[in-house]
Protein backbone atom coordinates (compact mmCIF):
# COMPACT_ATOMS: atom_id res chain seq x y z
CA MET A 1 -17.43 79.15 -36.57
CA ALA A 2 -16.94 77.03 -33.77
CA ASP A 3 -14.11 74.49 -33.60
CA ASP A 4 -16.26 71.29 -32.75
CA PRO A 5 -18.15 70.10 -35.56
CA ILE A 6 -22.28 69.99 -35.16
CA LEU A 7 -22.24 67.25 -37.39
CA GLU A 8 -19.98 64.36 -37.95
CA ILE A 9 -20.21 61.67 -40.31
CA ARG A 10 -17.93 58.46 -39.68
CA ASP A 11 -17.63 55.69 -42.18
CA LEU A 12 -21.25 56.00 -43.51
CA SER A 13 -22.44 53.27 -45.71
CA CYS A 14 -26.03 52.69 -46.74
CA SER A 15 -28.03 50.23 -48.86
CA ILE A 16 -31.29 50.69 -50.67
CA GLY A 17 -32.95 47.58 -52.13
CA GLY A 18 -30.00 45.73 -51.87
CA HIS A 19 -27.80 48.33 -54.08
CA GLU A 20 -25.05 50.26 -51.94
CA VAL A 21 -25.84 53.77 -52.35
CA LEU A 22 -23.41 55.32 -50.24
CA HIS A 23 -19.72 53.93 -49.37
CA ASP A 24 -17.60 54.94 -45.84
CA ILE A 25 -18.73 58.61 -46.22
CA ARG A 26 -16.52 60.73 -43.70
CA LEU A 27 -17.19 64.35 -43.35
CA ASP A 28 -17.30 67.06 -40.61
CA VAL A 29 -19.52 69.91 -40.59
CA LYS A 30 -18.58 73.15 -38.22
CA GLY A 31 -21.06 75.44 -36.87
CA GLY A 32 -21.74 78.17 -39.53
CA GLU A 33 -20.27 76.36 -42.60
CA THR A 34 -22.40 75.71 -45.68
CA ILE A 35 -21.14 72.40 -47.11
CA VAL A 36 -22.13 72.15 -50.76
CA LEU A 37 -22.68 68.30 -51.62
CA LEU A 38 -22.01 68.39 -55.39
CA GLY A 39 -22.41 65.58 -57.83
CA ARG A 40 -24.46 64.15 -60.76
CA SER A 41 -27.83 62.54 -60.21
CA GLY A 42 -27.75 59.54 -58.60
CA SER A 43 -24.38 59.98 -56.86
CA GLY A 44 -25.79 59.78 -53.53
CA LYS A 45 -26.51 63.39 -52.20
CA THR A 46 -30.01 63.33 -51.38
CA THR A 47 -29.53 59.70 -49.42
CA LEU A 48 -26.95 61.35 -47.40
CA LEU A 49 -29.36 63.84 -46.50
CA LYS A 50 -31.79 61.42 -45.44
CA THR A 51 -29.47 59.70 -43.54
CA VAL A 52 -28.33 62.57 -41.55
CA ASN A 53 -32.09 63.41 -40.67
CA GLY A 54 -32.85 59.56 -39.82
CA LEU A 55 -35.34 59.33 -42.81
CA ILE A 56 -33.06 56.41 -43.84
CA ALA A 57 -31.08 54.41 -41.74
CA PRO A 58 -27.32 53.55 -42.63
CA THR A 59 -25.90 49.95 -43.01
CA SER A 60 -22.73 50.69 -41.38
CA GLY A 61 -20.90 53.86 -39.95
CA ASN A 62 -22.72 56.61 -37.59
CA VAL A 63 -23.80 60.01 -37.67
CA ARG A 64 -23.09 62.23 -34.42
CA PHE A 65 -25.46 65.79 -34.34
CA ALA A 66 -24.60 68.18 -31.54
CA GLY A 67 -22.28 65.64 -29.99
CA ARG A 68 -24.69 63.05 -29.66
CA ALA A 69 -25.02 59.85 -31.91
CA ALA A 70 -28.28 60.13 -34.17
CA THR A 71 -29.17 56.91 -32.70
CA GLU A 72 -29.51 58.47 -28.97
CA TRP A 73 -31.76 61.24 -30.21
CA ASP A 74 -35.87 60.87 -30.21
CA PRO A 75 -36.24 60.87 -34.29
CA ILE A 76 -39.10 63.11 -34.28
CA GLU A 77 -36.93 65.75 -32.13
CA LEU A 78 -33.89 65.03 -34.33
CA ARG A 79 -36.00 65.96 -37.30
CA ARG A 80 -37.04 69.23 -35.56
CA ARG A 81 -33.65 70.28 -34.97
CA MET A 82 -33.02 70.00 -38.51
CA GLY A 83 -34.94 72.54 -41.12
CA TYR A 84 -35.74 70.96 -44.54
CA VAL A 85 -35.96 72.68 -47.82
CA ILE A 86 -36.67 70.71 -51.07
CA GLN A 87 -36.82 71.29 -54.74
CA ASP A 88 -40.93 72.14 -54.84
CA ALA A 89 -40.98 73.76 -51.41
CA GLY A 90 -43.61 70.80 -50.07
CA LEU A 91 -46.07 73.22 -48.66
CA PHE A 92 -49.10 72.29 -47.83
CA PRO A 93 -51.37 73.17 -50.49
CA HIS A 94 -54.72 73.71 -48.17
CA TRP A 95 -52.85 75.78 -45.38
CA THR A 96 -51.90 79.58 -45.42
CA VAL A 97 -48.36 80.72 -45.55
CA GLU A 98 -48.63 81.53 -42.05
CA ARG A 99 -49.75 78.10 -41.32
CA ASN A 100 -47.23 76.50 -43.57
CA ILE A 101 -44.58 78.68 -41.55
CA GLY A 102 -45.66 78.22 -38.29
CA LEU A 103 -46.05 74.17 -38.52
CA VAL A 104 -42.90 73.12 -36.47
CA PRO A 105 -43.41 75.89 -33.53
CA ARG A 106 -47.08 74.47 -33.35
CA LEU A 107 -45.60 70.93 -32.72
CA ALA A 108 -43.11 72.25 -30.36
CA GLY A 109 -46.02 73.87 -28.15
CA TRP A 110 -45.35 77.55 -28.89
CA GLU A 111 -47.83 80.39 -27.68
CA VAL A 112 -49.83 81.50 -30.62
CA GLU A 113 -48.76 85.08 -30.06
CA ARG A 114 -45.21 84.04 -30.44
CA ILE A 115 -45.79 81.92 -33.52
CA ARG A 116 -47.46 85.31 -35.12
CA LEU A 117 -44.58 87.50 -34.17
CA ARG A 118 -42.02 84.81 -35.65
CA VAL A 119 -43.94 84.28 -38.98
CA SER A 120 -43.90 88.45 -39.56
CA GLU A 121 -40.06 88.29 -38.40
CA LEU A 122 -39.52 85.48 -41.18
CA LEU A 123 -41.78 86.80 -43.94
CA ALA A 124 -39.50 90.40 -43.70
CA ALA A 125 -36.47 87.98 -43.50
CA VAL A 126 -37.43 86.26 -46.89
CA GLY A 127 -38.33 89.56 -48.43
CA MET A 128 -42.20 89.11 -48.34
CA GLY A 129 -45.01 91.18 -46.78
CA GLU A 130 -47.30 90.77 -44.25
CA GLU A 131 -50.05 90.62 -46.98
CA TYR A 132 -48.86 87.31 -47.89
CA ARG A 133 -49.30 85.59 -44.63
CA GLY A 134 -53.15 84.55 -45.50
CA ARG A 135 -52.37 83.42 -48.57
CA TYR A 136 -52.48 79.96 -50.33
CA PRO A 137 -49.74 77.89 -52.05
CA ARG A 138 -51.52 78.18 -55.12
CA GLU A 139 -51.52 81.80 -55.18
CA LEU A 140 -47.60 82.01 -55.14
CA SER A 141 -45.13 81.89 -57.53
CA GLY A 142 -42.35 79.40 -57.62
CA GLY A 143 -39.83 81.41 -55.91
CA GLN A 144 -42.28 82.78 -53.52
CA LYS A 145 -43.19 79.08 -52.31
CA GLN A 146 -39.36 78.22 -52.03
CA ARG A 147 -39.16 81.48 -49.83
CA VAL A 148 -41.83 80.26 -47.76
CA GLY A 149 -40.26 77.16 -47.64
CA ILE A 150 -37.12 78.55 -46.35
CA ALA A 151 -38.97 81.00 -43.67
CA ARG A 152 -40.45 77.49 -42.35
CA ALA A 153 -37.48 75.79 -42.26
CA LEU A 154 -35.95 78.45 -40.17
CA ALA A 155 -39.33 78.74 -37.79
CA ALA A 156 -38.39 77.04 -34.85
CA ASP A 157 -34.33 77.82 -34.75
CA PRO A 158 -32.90 74.72 -36.02
CA PRO A 159 -29.04 74.62 -35.41
CA LEU A 160 -28.66 72.87 -38.96
CA LEU A 161 -30.78 73.28 -42.30
CA LEU A 162 -30.84 70.75 -45.21
CA PHE A 163 -31.43 71.95 -48.77
CA ASP A 164 -31.95 69.35 -51.42
CA GLU A 165 -31.90 71.36 -54.78
CA PRO A 166 -34.15 73.74 -53.50
CA PHE A 167 -33.74 76.03 -56.46
CA ALA A 168 -33.28 73.82 -59.25
CA ALA A 169 -36.50 74.06 -61.00
CA LEU A 170 -36.70 77.74 -60.78
CA ASP A 171 -35.93 79.99 -63.81
CA PRO A 172 -32.53 81.55 -63.98
CA ILE A 173 -33.34 85.14 -62.72
CA THR A 174 -35.50 83.85 -59.93
CA ARG A 175 -32.70 81.34 -58.98
CA LEU A 176 -29.95 83.86 -58.43
CA GLU A 177 -32.51 86.28 -56.28
CA LEU A 178 -32.71 83.07 -53.86
CA GLN A 179 -29.15 82.26 -54.20
CA ARG A 180 -28.40 85.77 -52.82
CA LEU A 181 -30.97 85.66 -50.17
CA PHE A 182 -29.67 82.39 -49.06
CA LEU A 183 -26.08 84.37 -48.74
CA GLU A 184 -27.75 87.40 -46.81
CA LEU A 185 -29.74 84.81 -44.48
CA ARG A 186 -26.49 82.98 -43.85
CA ARG A 187 -24.65 86.16 -43.00
CA SER A 188 -27.68 87.53 -40.92
CA VAL A 189 -28.45 84.21 -39.47
CA GLY A 190 -25.40 82.31 -39.14
CA LYS A 191 -26.94 78.72 -39.74
CA THR A 192 -25.19 75.72 -40.51
CA SER A 193 -25.94 74.17 -43.67
CA LEU A 194 -25.90 71.08 -46.08
CA PHE A 195 -27.02 72.09 -49.63
CA VAL A 196 -27.22 69.63 -52.54
CA THR A 197 -26.79 71.10 -55.92
CA HIS A 198 -25.50 69.41 -59.19
CA ASP A 199 -24.65 72.90 -60.32
CA ILE A 200 -21.13 73.98 -60.38
CA ARG A 201 -21.40 77.45 -60.41
CA GLU A 202 -24.29 77.32 -57.28
CA ALA A 203 -21.67 75.37 -55.43
CA MET A 204 -19.10 78.01 -56.05
CA MET A 205 -21.22 80.52 -54.96
CA LEU A 206 -22.78 79.33 -51.91
CA ALA A 207 -20.08 77.00 -50.51
CA SER A 208 -17.91 77.35 -47.27
CA ARG A 209 -16.63 74.05 -48.66
CA ILE A 210 -17.79 71.47 -51.55
CA ALA A 211 -18.05 67.88 -50.96
CA LEU A 212 -18.04 66.13 -54.22
CA LEU A 213 -19.81 62.83 -54.72
CA LYS A 214 -19.37 60.16 -57.17
CA ASP A 215 -20.96 56.79 -57.10
CA GLY A 216 -21.52 57.24 -53.33
CA ARG A 217 -18.16 57.88 -52.54
CA VAL A 218 -16.78 61.43 -51.58
CA GLU A 219 -14.02 62.30 -54.03
CA VAL A 220 -13.07 65.62 -52.72
CA VAL A 221 -13.72 68.05 -49.71
CA ALA A 222 -12.09 71.46 -50.26
CA ALA A 223 -13.14 75.24 -50.08
CA PRO A 224 -13.90 76.83 -53.48
CA ARG A 225 -10.57 78.39 -54.29
CA GLU A 226 -8.97 74.82 -53.45
CA PHE A 227 -11.79 72.97 -55.49
CA LEU A 228 -10.66 74.91 -58.79
CA LYS A 229 -7.09 72.98 -58.39
CA ALA A 230 -8.91 69.97 -57.50
CA GLU A 231 -7.16 66.75 -59.45
CA SER A 232 -10.01 64.56 -59.43
CA GLU A 233 -11.14 63.48 -62.92
CA GLU A 234 -14.73 64.16 -61.63
CA ALA A 235 -13.93 67.47 -60.40
CA ARG A 236 -12.38 68.52 -63.73
CA ALA A 237 -15.28 67.35 -65.25
CA PHE A 238 -17.36 69.83 -63.38
CA LEU A 239 -14.86 72.48 -63.96
CA ALA A 240 -14.86 72.17 -67.61
CA GLY A 241 -18.50 73.02 -67.38
CA LEU A 242 -17.65 76.00 -65.56
CA GLY A 243 -14.99 77.37 -68.03
CA GLU A 244 -17.52 76.53 -70.94
CA LEU A 245 -20.16 78.95 -69.54
CA GLU A 246 -17.60 81.54 -68.72
CA THR A 247 -15.94 81.60 -72.31
CA ALA A 248 -19.23 81.20 -74.28
CA PRO A 249 -19.91 83.73 -76.93
């Protein structure tokens, strides 16, 4: 991992509709890390992702990406350098798999043959064959849609990936398959990721470090082993759920 953070979040606060959703967030993300943003619904996880890629403007504080303040980036260029994967994959329903995956490379002006080769490469990387490139989202299972969503996020080789509970709506078996795929891709591609979840087991499995949010504040930032020892009341509440699952008959 690089020593210098690829993403620096400093004293970040954000209000929506007069309600302060994020309070004085401070977080560094180093190259190659997976930072899991863990928290309950409404804790500010998704809002933090959206402030990182410029979809929501902070009310105070700042974000630095790749050594530059987010405000110095062209907003479109900033978002193209951050792959985004959401819960329902967000595929365009009337586009084929190939066209969905190739979206950002097309916008970036890649040649047709280069895009075709990149789509083939990414289909293989996410465990899908060439026969899928001409299919439409309606012809795919939920897990297959998420694989295509991951491939699309990787298509233009962005340095940072943002995942907003991408596996939450999937059945447990498919979810585990995609969690394992995520780990395989992290080893093979080496991307830096911010990954939102409310699932402590998923956080422990995927994280380099866990950032626990409560009421818009970061309570704990720790590697999984250290998180097990966290004294925060909110951390203990999540860990209690983990213990109950492991001791259930």
